[in-house]
């Protein structure tokens, strides 16, 4: 009897463990909510577009449905035009973003360590900072022409300022106790920067990179709209000229999807590198 009872209890425990393993955690629920929100958005868009086509509240050509945009996307992929445009835009934004990030981090470290350079560069950056990046596009086109160089440099400039600002802020706000501790152990200036300052400032650098990513995509599209023969920005301006709203919506949605994907990549890398970071208020709330 005891053996039978123990077997039953063991099976019951195993079943309950198996049952609880199917429970969804908070992050999974969050992803499901976000996915559901996107589905609802596209559903409302589809329904409203269909309703407008039947009632003709305004010209149905001005608001294509989701299915029409999907059909245009499939046609663009089959013809190779869309794939070529995406690759061209990705090449430009990658080159500009990496260049701007590299220059921003290096200059940020130099400005934080050499007060003279900081005093010289800071007022110049304060002067140029409030000016929208897009205002420099005509200047870049005059200086560098409508070649790839002008587009990449404009994207790099858009990326550079936030990364520089957050790098300087991150290094300046490092806990001085950490610096004194490694110096007491005989660390050189180079080791202090390498092992303490730069590593402590990296979370700030990633914040600057995520902010810069949106600016980089904005600069990319503006540059392609003004002087390019391919790319997602070129598709938008070409669609405007010919009133091809399907192409315009398609390019805009792809830009949003690409930006969301690369933001997710940066966030994932940040979480892997900085597991010690908390989520602020969300971590303080008891589940």
C-alpha atoms as a PDB file:
ATOM      1  CA  UNK A   1       0.000   0.000   0.000  1.00  0.00           C
ATOM      2  CA  UNK A   2       2.747   2.412   0.935  1.00  0.00           C
ATOM      3  CA  UNK A   3       4.612   1.672  -2.300  1.00  0.00           C
ATOM      4  CA  UNK A   4       1.470   2.301  -4.351  1.00  0.00           C
ATOM      5  CA  UNK A   5       0.830   5.566  -2.494  1.00  0.00           C
ATOM      6  CA  UNK A   6       4.415   6.720  -3.073  1.00  0.00           C
ATOM      7  CA  UNK A   7       4.191   5.923  -6.792  1.00  0.00           C
ATOM      8  CA  UNK A   8       0.947   7.882  -7.079  1.00  0.00           C
ATOM      9  CA  UNK A   9       2.454  10.861  -5.250  1.00  0.00           C
ATOM     10  CA  UNK A  10       5.568  10.742  -7.475  1.00  0.00           C
ATOM     11  CA  UNK A  11       3.423  10.721 -10.614  1.00  0.00           C
ATOM     12  CA  UNK A  12       1.320  13.557  -9.227  1.00  0.00           C
ATOM     13  CA  UNK A  13       4.434  15.645  -8.454  1.00  0.00           C
ATOM     14  CA  UNK A  14       5.915  14.988 -11.885  1.00  0.00           C
ATOM     15  CA  UNK A  15       2.620  15.934 -13.548  1.00  0.00           C
ATOM     16  CA  UNK A  16       2.381  19.151 -11.532  1.00  0.00           C
ATOM     17  CA  UNK A  17       5.968  20.071 -12.465  1.00  0.00           C
ATOM     18  CA  UNK A  18       5.230  19.365 -16.090  1.00  0.00           C
ATOM     19  CA  UNK A  19       2.108  21.494 -15.836  1.00  0.00           C
ATOM     20  CA  UNK A  20       3.897  24.441 -14.266  1.00  0.00           C
ATOM     21  CA  UNK A  21       6.646  24.275 -16.904  1.00  0.00           C
ATOM     22  CA  UNK A  22       4.098  25.415 -19.460  1.00  0.00           C
ATOM     23  CA  UNK A  23       3.536  28.648 -17.551  1.00  0.00           C
ATOM     24  CA  UNK A  24       4.492  31.773 -19.457  1.00  0.00           C
ATOM     25  CA  UNK A  25       6.795  34.252 -17.782  1.00  0.00           C
ATOM     26  CA  UNK A  26       6.320  38.020 -17.779  1.00  0.00           C
ATOM     27  CA  UNK A  27       8.703  38.616 -20.693  1.00  0.00           C
ATOM     28  CA  UNK A  28       6.806  36.150 -22.879  1.00  0.00           C
ATOM     29  CA  UNK A  29       3.537  37.870 -22.020  1.00  0.00           C
ATOM     30  CA  UNK A  30       5.137  41.206 -22.870  1.00  0.00           C
ATOM     31  CA  UNK A  31       6.238  39.944 -26.286  1.00  0.00           C
ATOM     32  CA  UNK A  32       2.782  38.507 -26.922  1.00  0.00           C
ATOM     33  CA  UNK A  33       1.165  41.830 -26.016  1.00  0.00           C
ATOM     34  CA  UNK A  34       3.498  43.690 -28.345  1.00  0.00           C
ATOM     35  CA  UNK A  35       2.853  41.238 -31.164  1.00  0.00           C
ATOM     36  CA  UNK A  36      -0.902  41.488 -30.562  1.00  0.00           C
ATOM     37  CA  UNK A  37      -0.692  45.287 -30.672  1.00  0.00           C
ATOM     38  CA  UNK A  38       0.981  45.104 -34.092  1.00  0.00           C
ATOM     39  CA  UNK A  39      -1.656  42.679 -35.347  1.00  0.00           C
ATOM     40  CA  UNK A  40      -4.453  44.968 -34.146  1.00  0.00           C
ATOM     41  CA  UNK A  41      -2.764  47.951 -35.808  1.00  0.00           C
ATOM     42  CA  UNK A  42      -2.524  46.185 -39.175  1.00  0.00           C
ATOM     43  CA  UNK A  43      -6.065  44.805 -38.811  1.00  0.00           C
ATOM     44  CA  UNK A  44      -7.492  48.296 -38.187  1.00  0.00           C
ATOM     45  CA  UNK A  45      -5.511  49.601 -41.140  1.00  0.00           C
ATOM     46  CA  UNK A  46      -6.861  46.833 -43.392  1.00  0.00           C
ATOM     47  CA  UNK A  47     -10.469  47.302 -42.252  1.00  0.00           C
ATOM     48  CA  UNK A  48     -10.355  51.084 -42.568  1.00  0.00           C
ATOM     49  CA  UNK A  49      -8.788  50.865 -46.024  1.00  0.00           C
ATOM     50  CA  UNK A  50     -11.442  48.370 -47.166  1.00  0.00           C
ATOM     51  CA  UNK A  51     -14.193  50.582 -45.733  1.00  0.00           C
ATOM     52  CA  UNK A  52     -12.739  53.641 -47.465  1.00  0.00           C
ATOM     53  CA  UNK A  53     -12.598  51.777 -50.796  1.00  0.00           C
ATOM     54  CA  UNK A  54     -16.303  50.953 -50.535  1.00  0.00           C
ATOM     55  CA  UNK A  55     -17.473  54.334 -49.170  1.00  0.00           C
ATOM     56  CA  UNK A  56     -14.822  56.516 -50.893  1.00  0.00           C
ATOM     57  CA  UNK A  57     -14.455  58.936 -47.994  1.00  0.00           C
ATOM     58  CA  UNK A  58     -11.312  60.049 -49.815  1.00  0.00           C
ATOM     59  CA  UNK A  59      -9.367  58.720 -52.780  1.00  0.00           C
ATOM     60  CA  UNK A  60      -8.697  55.010 -52.025  1.00  0.00           C
ATOM     61  CA  UNK A  61      -5.394  55.304 -53.869  1.00  0.00           C
ATOM     62  CA  UNK A  62      -4.080  57.483 -51.035  1.00  0.00           C
ATOM     63  CA  UNK A  63      -4.453  54.675 -48.470  1.00  0.00           C
ATOM     64  CA  UNK A  64      -3.647  51.222 -49.877  1.00  0.00           C
ATOM     65  CA  UNK A  65      -4.621  48.235 -47.777  1.00  0.00           C
ATOM     66  CA  UNK A  66      -2.207  45.942 -45.979  1.00  0.00           C
ATOM     67  CA  UNK A  67      -2.773  43.202 -48.542  1.00  0.00           C
ATOM     68  CA  UNK A  68      -1.976  45.613 -51.381  1.00  0.00           C
ATOM     69  CA  UNK A  69       1.265  46.660 -49.682  1.00  0.00           C
ATOM     70  CA  UNK A  70       2.151  42.995 -49.097  1.00  0.00           C
ATOM     71  CA  UNK A  71       1.525  42.243 -52.767  1.00  0.00           C
ATOM     72  CA  UNK A  72       3.766  45.135 -53.788  1.00  0.00           C
ATOM     73  CA  UNK A  73       6.455  43.852 -51.404  1.00  0.00           C
ATOM     74  CA  UNK A  74       6.324  40.344 -52.881  1.00  0.00           C
ATOM     75  CA  UNK A  75       6.543  41.771 -56.411  1.00  0.00           C
ATOM     76  CA  UNK A  76       9.525  43.922 -55.394  1.00  0.00           C
ATOM     77  CA  UNK A  77      11.342  40.935 -53.934  1.00  0.00           C
ATOM     78  CA  UNK A  78      10.651  38.777 -56.994  1.00  0.00           C
ATOM     79  CA  UNK A  79      11.920  41.467 -59.362  1.00  0.00           C
ATOM     80  CA  UNK A  80      14.999  42.072 -57.183  1.00  0.00           C
ATOM     81  CA  UNK A  81      14.366  45.824 -56.988  1.00  0.00           C
ATOM     82  CA  UNK A  82      13.375  45.791 -53.310  1.00  0.00           C
ATOM     83  CA  UNK A  83      16.209  43.474 -52.286  1.00  0.00           C
ATOM     84  CA  UNK A  84      18.727  45.713 -54.039  1.00  0.00           C
ATOM     85  CA  UNK A  85      17.275  48.802 -52.346  1.00  0.00           C
ATOM     86  CA  UNK A  86      17.405  47.218 -48.883  1.00  0.00           C
ATOM     87  CA  UNK A  87      21.018  46.086 -49.345  1.00  0.00           C
ATOM     88  CA  UNK A  88      22.054  49.539 -50.577  1.00  0.00           C
ATOM     89  CA  UNK A  89      20.421  51.261 -47.598  1.00  0.00           C
ATOM     90  CA  UNK A  90      21.857  48.758 -45.103  1.00  0.00           C
ATOM     91  CA  UNK A  91      25.366  49.231 -46.497  1.00  0.00           C
ATOM     92  CA  UNK A  92      25.129  53.005 -46.070  1.00  0.00           C
ATOM     93  CA  UNK A  93      23.624  52.956 -42.606  1.00  0.00           C
ATOM     94  CA  UNK A  94      26.106  50.325 -41.365  1.00  0.00           C
ATOM     95  CA  UNK A  95      29.129  52.250 -42.645  1.00  0.00           C
ATOM     96  CA  UNK A  96      27.910  55.582 -41.297  1.00  0.00           C
ATOM     97  CA  UNK A  97      26.752  54.200 -37.957  1.00  0.00           C
ATOM     98  CA  UNK A  98      30.002  52.322 -37.276  1.00  0.00           C
ATOM     99  CA  UNK A  99      32.143  55.287 -38.320  1.00  0.00           C
ATOM    100  CA  UNK A 100      30.140  57.741 -36.202  1.00  0.00           C
ATOM    101  CA  UNK A 101      30.176  55.425 -33.180  1.00  0.00           C
ATOM    102  CA  UNK A 102      33.928  54.834 -33.418  1.00  0.00           C
ATOM    103  CA  UNK A 103      34.774  58.530 -33.747  1.00  0.00           C
ATOM    104  CA  UNK A 104      32.314  59.454 -30.976  1.00  0.00           C
ATOM    105  CA  UNK A 105      33.765  56.962 -28.491  1.00  0.00           C
ATOM    106  CA  UNK A 106      37.413  57.808 -29.268  1.00  0.00           C
ATOM    107  CA  UNK A 107      36.853  61.576 -29.106  1.00  0.00           C
ATOM    108  CA  UNK A 108      34.753  61.153 -25.963  1.00  0.00           C
ATOM    109  CA  UNK A 109      37.607  59.337 -24.221  1.00  0.00           C
ATOM    110  CA  UNK A 110      40.108  61.995 -25.343  1.00  0.00           C
ATOM    111  CA  UNK A 111      37.876  64.886 -24.220  1.00  0.00           C
ATOM    112  CA  UNK A 112      37.360  63.227 -20.833  1.00  0.00           C
ATOM    113  CA  UNK A 113      41.093  62.763 -20.277  1.00  0.00           C
ATOM    114  CA  UNK A 114      42.539  66.011 -21.693  1.00  0.00           C
ATOM    115  CA  UNK A 115      40.912  69.146 -20.271  1.00  0.00           C
ATOM    116  CA  UNK A 116      42.440  71.425 -22.919  1.00  0.00           C
ATOM    117  CA  UNK A 117      40.864  69.451 -25.775  1.00  0.00           C
ATOM    118  CA  UNK A 118      37.551  69.378 -23.906  1.00  0.00           C
ATOM    119  CA  UNK A 119      37.624  73.184 -23.492  1.00  0.00           C
ATOM    120  CA  UNK A 120      38.341  73.642 -27.208  1.00  0.00           C
ATOM    121  CA  UNK A 121      35.814  71.171 -28.629  1.00  0.00           C
ATOM    122  CA  UNK A 122      32.901  71.627 -26.199  1.00  0.00           C
ATOM    123  CA  UNK A 123      31.866  75.148 -27.333  1.00  0.00           C
ATOM    124  CA  UNK A 124      32.017  74.055 -30.986  1.00  0.00           C
ATOM    125  CA  UNK A 125      29.771  71.069 -30.265  1.00  0.00           C
ATOM    126  CA  UNK A 126      27.390  73.291 -28.271  1.00  0.00           C
ATOM    127  CA  UNK A 127      27.176  75.550 -31.316  1.00  0.00           C
ATOM    128  CA  UNK A 128      26.564  72.742 -33.838  1.00  0.00           C
ATOM    129  CA  UNK A 129      24.506  70.450 -31.604  1.00  0.00           C
ATOM    130  CA  UNK A 130      21.123  72.242 -31.828  1.00  0.00           C
ATOM    131  CA  UNK A 131      21.309  72.461 -35.644  1.00  0.00           C
ATOM    132  CA  UNK A 132      19.299  69.606 -37.235  1.00  0.00           C
ATOM    133  CA  UNK A 133      21.473  67.091 -39.034  1.00  0.00           C
ATOM    134  CA  UNK A 134      19.350  67.417 -42.176  1.00  0.00           C
ATOM    135  CA  UNK A 135      20.309  71.094 -42.477  1.00  0.00           C
ATOM    136  CA  UNK A 136      23.853  69.955 -43.278  1.00  0.00           C
ATOM    137  CA  UNK A 137      22.755  67.746 -46.191  1.00  0.00           C
ATOM    138  CA  UNK A 138      23.101  70.485 -48.872  1.00  0.00           C
ATOM    139  CA  UNK A 139      26.546  71.358 -47.502  1.00  0.00           C
ATOM    140  CA  UNK A 140      27.653  67.715 -47.586  1.00  0.00           C
ATOM    141  CA  UNK A 141      26.346  67.383 -51.143  1.00  0.00           C
ATOM    142  CA  UNK A 142      28.247  70.500 -52.244  1.00  0.00           C
ATOM    143  CA  UNK A 143      31.446  69.359 -50.533  1.00  0.00           C
ATOM    144  CA  UNK A 144      31.345  65.650 -51.428  1.00  0.00           C
ATOM    145  CA  UNK A 145      28.847  65.517 -54.309  1.00  0.00           C
ATOM    146  CA  UNK A 146      25.978  63.021 -54.483  1.00  0.00           C
ATOM    147  CA  UNK A 147      28.314  60.069 -54.119  1.00  0.00           C
ATOM    148  CA  UNK A 148      28.168  57.393 -51.419  1.00  0.00           C
ATOM    149  CA  UNK A 149      30.716  59.374 -49.429  1.00  0.00           C
ATOM    150  CA  UNK A 150      28.323  62.246 -48.695  1.00  0.00           C
ATOM    151  CA  UNK A 151      25.560  59.883 -47.543  1.00  0.00           C
ATOM    152  CA  UNK A 152      27.839  57.845 -45.284  1.00  0.00           C
ATOM    153  CA  UNK A 153      29.391  60.968 -43.765  1.00  0.00           C
ATOM    154  CA  UNK A 154      25.981  62.504 -43.064  1.00  0.00           C
ATOM    155  CA  UNK A 155      24.879  59.322 -41.293  1.00  0.00           C
ATOM    156  CA  UNK A 156      28.176  59.255 -39.384  1.00  0.00           C
ATOM    157  CA  UNK A 157      27.664  62.861 -38.271  1.00  0.00           C
ATOM    158  CA  UNK A 158      24.123  62.055 -37.099  1.00  0.00           C
ATOM    159  CA  UNK A 159      25.489  59.097 -35.110  1.00  0.00           C
ATOM    160  CA  UNK A 160      28.554  60.881 -33.772  1.00  0.00           C
ATOM    161  CA  UNK A 161      26.991  63.571 -31.542  1.00  0.00           C
ATOM    162  CA  UNK A 162      24.819  61.404 -29.225  1.00  0.00           C
ATOM    163  CA  UNK A 163      27.524  58.748 -28.862  1.00  0.00           C
ATOM    164  CA  UNK A 164      30.111  61.408 -27.995  1.00  0.00           C
ATOM    165  CA  UNK A 165      27.801  63.081 -25.459  1.00  0.00           C
ATOM    166  CA  UNK A 166      26.906  59.840 -23.681  1.00  0.00           C
ATOM    167  CA  UNK A 167      30.517  58.619 -23.693  1.00  0.00           C
ATOM    168  CA  UNK A 168      31.768  61.812 -22.036  1.00  0.00           C
ATOM    169  CA  UNK A 169      28.895  61.722 -19.540  1.00  0.00           C
ATOM    170  CA  UNK A 170      29.543  58.065 -18.738  1.00  0.00           C
ATOM    171  CA  UNK A 171      33.270  58.571 -18.101  1.00  0.00           C
ATOM    172  CA  UNK A 172      32.753  61.711 -16.010  1.00  0.00           C
ATOM    173  CA  UNK A 173      30.218  59.950 -13.770  1.00  0.00           C
ATOM    174  CA  UNK A 174      32.368  56.923 -12.940  1.00  0.00           C
ATOM    175  CA  UNK A 175      32.555  56.340  -9.198  1.00  0.00           C
ATOM    176  CA  UNK A 176      35.877  57.914  -8.039  1.00  0.00           C
ATOM    177  CA  UNK A 177      36.266  55.175  -5.420  1.00  0.00           C
ATOM    178  CA  UNK A 178      36.844  52.675  -8.244  1.00  0.00           C
ATOM    179  CA  UNK A 179      39.610  54.845  -9.703  1.00  0.00           C
ATOM    180  CA  UNK A 180      41.323  55.326  -6.353  1.00  0.00           C
ATOM    181  CA  UNK A 181      41.091  51.578  -5.668  1.00  0.00           C
ATOM    182  CA  UNK A 182      42.876  50.521  -8.863  1.00  0.00           C
ATOM    183  CA  UNK A 183      45.458  53.283  -8.471  1.00  0.00           C
ATOM    184  CA  UNK A 184      46.225  52.026  -4.963  1.00  0.00           C
ATOM    185  CA  UNK A 185      46.977  48.651  -6.562  1.00  0.00           C
ATOM    186  CA  UNK A 186      49.538  50.255  -8.870  1.00  0.00           C
ATOM    187  CA  UNK A 187      47.467  50.627 -12.044  1.00  0.00           C
ATOM    188  CA  UNK A 188      48.816  52.949 -14.743  1.00  0.00           C
ATOM    189  CA  UNK A 189      46.738  55.655 -16.438  1.00  0.00           C
ATOM    190  CA  UNK A 190      46.217  53.385 -19.448  1.00  0.00           C
ATOM    191  CA  UNK A 191      45.007  50.551 -17.215  1.00  0.00           C
ATOM    192  CA  UNK A 192      42.645  52.924 -15.376  1.00  0.00           C
ATOM    193  CA  UNK A 193      41.049  53.948 -18.670  1.00  0.00           C
ATOM    194  CA  UNK A 194      40.980  50.439 -20.092  1.00  0.00           C
ATOM    195  CA  UNK A 195      39.793  48.491 -17.055  1.00  0.00           C
ATOM    196  CA  UNK A 196      37.652  51.061 -15.215  1.00  0.00           C
ATOM    197  CA  UNK A 197      36.599  54.187 -17.097  1.00  0.00           C
ATOM    198  CA  UNK A 198      35.790  52.730 -20.502  1.00  0.00           C
ATOM    199  CA  UNK A 199      34.100  49.620 -19.105  1.00  0.00           C
ATOM    200  CA  UNK A 200      32.058  51.695 -16.655  1.00  0.00           C
ATOM    201  CA  UNK A 201      31.033  54.074 -19.442  1.00  0.00           C
ATOM    202  CA  UNK A 202      29.936  51.293 -21.845  1.00  0.00           C
ATOM    203  CA  UNK A 203      26.290  51.233 -20.638  1.00  0.00           C
ATOM    204  CA  UNK A 204      26.095  54.954 -21.447  1.00  0.00           C
ATOM    205  CA  UNK A 205      27.705  54.328 -24.832  1.00  0.00           C
ATOM    206  CA  UNK A 206      24.996  51.792 -25.666  1.00  0.00           C
ATOM    207  CA  UNK A 207      22.295  54.297 -24.723  1.00  0.00           C
ATOM    208  CA  UNK A 208      23.912  56.795 -27.081  1.00  0.00           C
ATOM    209  CA  UNK A 209      24.119  54.149 -29.815  1.00  0.00           C
ATOM    210  CA  UNK A 210      20.407  53.326 -29.535  1.00  0.00           C
ATOM    211  CA  UNK A 211      19.510  57.014 -29.762  1.00  0.00           C
ATOM    212  CA  UNK A 212      21.907  57.453 -32.671  1.00  0.00           C
ATOM    213  CA  UNK A 213      20.406  54.492 -34.531  1.00  0.00           C
ATOM    214  CA  UNK A 214      17.122  56.350 -35.048  1.00  0.00           C
ATOM    215  CA  UNK A 215      18.994  59.466 -36.192  1.00  0.00           C
ATOM    216  CA  UNK A 216      21.134  57.356 -38.520  1.00  0.00           C
ATOM    217  CA  UNK A 217      18.070  55.878 -40.245  1.00  0.00           C
ATOM    218  CA  UNK A 218      16.543  59.354 -40.517  1.00  0.00           C
ATOM    219  CA  UNK A 219      19.706  60.751 -42.090  1.00  0.00           C
ATOM    220  CA  UNK A 220      19.886  57.753 -44.426  1.00  0.00           C
ATOM    221  CA  UNK A 221      16.384  58.254 -45.806  1.00  0.00           C
ATOM    222  CA  UNK A 222      16.788  62.024 -46.232  1.00  0.00           C
ATOM    223  CA  UNK A 223      20.134  61.544 -48.004  1.00  0.00           C
ATOM    224  CA  UNK A 224      18.643  58.921 -50.331  1.00  0.00           C
ATOM    225  CA  UNK A 225      15.640  61.107 -51.074  1.00  0.00           C
ATOM    226  CA  UNK A 226      17.859  64.022 -52.068  1.00  0.00           C
ATOM    227  CA  UNK A 227      20.550  62.349 -54.124  1.00  0.00           C
ATOM    228  CA  UNK A 228      20.423  58.613 -54.824  1.00  0.00           C
ATOM    229  CA  UNK A 229      19.427  56.261 -57.601  1.00  0.00           C
ATOM    230  CA  UNK A 230      18.628  53.339 -55.294  1.00  0.00           C
ATOM    231  CA  UNK A 231      17.734  52.637 -51.679  1.00  0.00           C
ATOM    232  CA  UNK A 232      14.569  52.821 -49.580  1.00  0.00           C
ATOM    233  CA  UNK A 233      14.631  56.617 -49.528  1.00  0.00           C
ATOM    234  CA  UNK A 234      14.813  56.656 -53.312  1.00  0.00           C
ATOM    235  CA  UNK A 235      11.772  54.348 -53.466  1.00  0.00           C
ATOM    236  CA  UNK A 236       9.821  56.832 -51.324  1.00  0.00           C
ATOM    237  CA  UNK A 237      10.668  59.888 -53.402  1.00  0.00           C
ATOM    238  CA  UNK A 238      10.100  57.979 -56.647  1.00  0.00           C
ATOM    239  CA  UNK A 239       6.723  56.776 -55.346  1.00  0.00           C
ATOM    240  CA  UNK A 240       5.793  60.362 -54.520  1.00  0.00           C
ATOM    241  CA  UNK A 241       6.605  61.484 -58.060  1.00  0.00           C
ATOM    242  CA  UNK A 242       4.370  58.789 -59.573  1.00  0.00           C
ATOM    243  CA  UNK A 243       1.727  58.626 -56.821  1.00  0.00           C
ATOM    244  CA  UNK A 244       2.601  54.997 -56.095  1.00  0.00           C
ATOM    245  CA  UNK A 245       1.410  54.987 -52.501  1.00  0.00           C
ATOM    246  CA  UNK A 246       1.835  51.206 -52.327  1.00  0.00           C
ATOM    247  CA  UNK A 247       5.594  51.588 -52.820  1.00  0.00           C
ATOM    248  CA  UNK A 248       5.754  54.465 -50.345  1.00  0.00           C
ATOM    249  CA  UNK A 249       3.994  52.554 -47.553  1.00  0.00           C
ATOM    250  CA  UNK A 250       6.077  49.467 -48.317  1.00  0.00           C
ATOM    251  CA  UNK A 251       9.373  51.373 -47.972  1.00  0.00           C
ATOM    252  CA  UNK A 252       8.237  53.129 -44.778  1.00  0.00           C
ATOM    253  CA  UNK A 253       7.206  49.866 -43.102  1.00  0.00           C
ATOM    254  CA  UNK A 254      10.464  48.162 -44.086  1.00  0.00           C
ATOM    255  CA  UNK A 255      12.426  51.072 -42.605  1.00  0.00           C
ATOM    256  CA  UNK A 256      10.486  50.676 -39.351  1.00  0.00           C
ATOM    257  CA  UNK A 257      11.051  46.917 -39.309  1.00  0.00           C
ATOM    258  CA  UNK A 258      14.787  47.271 -39.967  1.00  0.00           C
ATOM    259  CA  UNK A 259      15.130  49.888 -37.233  1.00  0.00           C
ATOM    260  CA  UNK A 260      13.180  47.697 -34.783  1.00  0.00           C
ATOM    261  CA  UNK A 261      15.352  44.689 -35.622  1.00  0.00           C
ATOM    262  CA  UNK A 262      18.655  46.516 -35.089  1.00  0.00           C
ATOM    263  CA  UNK A 263      17.370  48.123 -31.889  1.00  0.00           C
ATOM    264  CA  UNK A 264      16.553  44.617 -30.672  1.00  0.00           C
ATOM    265  CA  UNK A 265      20.082  43.473 -31.618  1.00  0.00           C
ATOM    266  CA  UNK A 266      21.666  46.348 -29.664  1.00  0.00           C
ATOM    267  CA  UNK A 267      19.392  45.701 -26.672  1.00  0.00           C
ATOM    268  CA  UNK A 268      20.229  41.976 -26.721  1.00  0.00           C
ATOM    269  CA  UNK A 269      23.974  42.685 -26.812  1.00  0.00           C
ATOM    270  CA  UNK A 270      23.547  45.198 -23.997  1.00  0.00           C
ATOM    271  CA  UNK A 271      21.722  42.634 -21.841  1.00  0.00           C
ATOM    272  CA  UNK A 272      24.395  40.009 -22.457  1.00  0.00           C
ATOM    273  CA  UNK A 273      27.237  42.412 -21.623  1.00  0.00           C
ATOM    274  CA  UNK A 274      25.579  44.054 -18.625  1.00  0.00           C
ATOM    275  CA  UNK A 275      23.649  41.347 -16.819  1.00  0.00           C
ATOM    276  CA  UNK A 276      24.150  43.271 -13.584  1.00  0.00           C
ATOM    277  CA  UNK A 277      21.930  46.100 -14.819  1.00  0.00           C
ATOM    278  CA  UNK A 278      18.424  46.386 -13.404  1.00  0.00           C
ATOM    279  CA  UNK A 279      15.288  47.433 -15.211  1.00  0.00           C
ATOM    280  CA  UNK A 280      14.635  50.332 -12.850  1.00  0.00           C
ATOM    281  CA  UNK A 281      11.085  50.605 -11.609  1.00  0.00           C
ATOM    282  CA  UNK A 282      10.041  47.304 -13.231  1.00  0.00           C
ATOM    283  CA  UNK A 283      12.506  45.385 -11.054  1.00  0.00           C
ATOM    284  CA  UNK A 284      11.217  47.064  -7.908  1.00  0.00           C
ATOM    285  CA  UNK A 285       7.633  45.949  -8.495  1.00  0.00           C
ATOM    286  CA  UNK A 286       6.837  42.656  -6.853  1.00  0.00           C
ATOM    287  CA  UNK A 287       5.396  40.110  -9.216  1.00  0.00           C
END
